[in-house]
Amino acid sequence: RSTLFPYTTLFRSLELNGICLSRYGDVGYAELVHEGKYGRSGRFCAELIGKSVEVLGPFVRQNRIDAITFVPSKRSKIVENFARELSERLRIDLLDSLWKLESEQQKNMENSAHQCKNAFRSFHVKKDCVLPNKLLLVDDIIDSKWTMTVCGYKLMKAGCLEVFPFALSDTSGR
């Protein structure tokens, strides 16, 4: 019996419905995501921020989302800075609610069970963080879907009633 089974069973019933702006590798917004993440600027362009605000504005109001948080990274502040710009434009609070241990990147793991275990061990909710009922969880690129699932699960275990994932691009279907 796999030692990873409890992790996968744990998330089987968790539903996190969210929004993804593009499919990685496609033309248009996905190109802008790639350019922002891997280009010299080290930030996402105004067009991506504007489109995200356009898409998220009605979604945030309809779902009565209280605040935004982000998936932290040890390599870059690009997602944190993007989330900060979103919170300012959407006029909702930004919470720095998650922390991360050093770990292997999810995209380098081919096995879903290892990705789940890696994410579960890597991400944690900050102890001093007061969480709202409804939270928008922001990341740049979805690779395995485990990062969002685990972060959402841990935020809900820590007190959020609902977590809504938002990412700029999705590689998981490649």
Foldseek 3Di string as FASTA:
>chain_A
DDPLVVLVVVLPPDDAAAEEAEAAPDPDLNVQLCCCCPNDVVEGDPVLLVVCLVVCLVVCVVVVAAEEEEQDDPPGCHFVVSRVSSCVSSVHYYDPFKFFDDFDDLLVDPDLSVSLVRLLVTMATDPVDDDDQEYEYEDEEAANCNNVSNVQVRSVVVPHNHYHYYYHYYHNVD
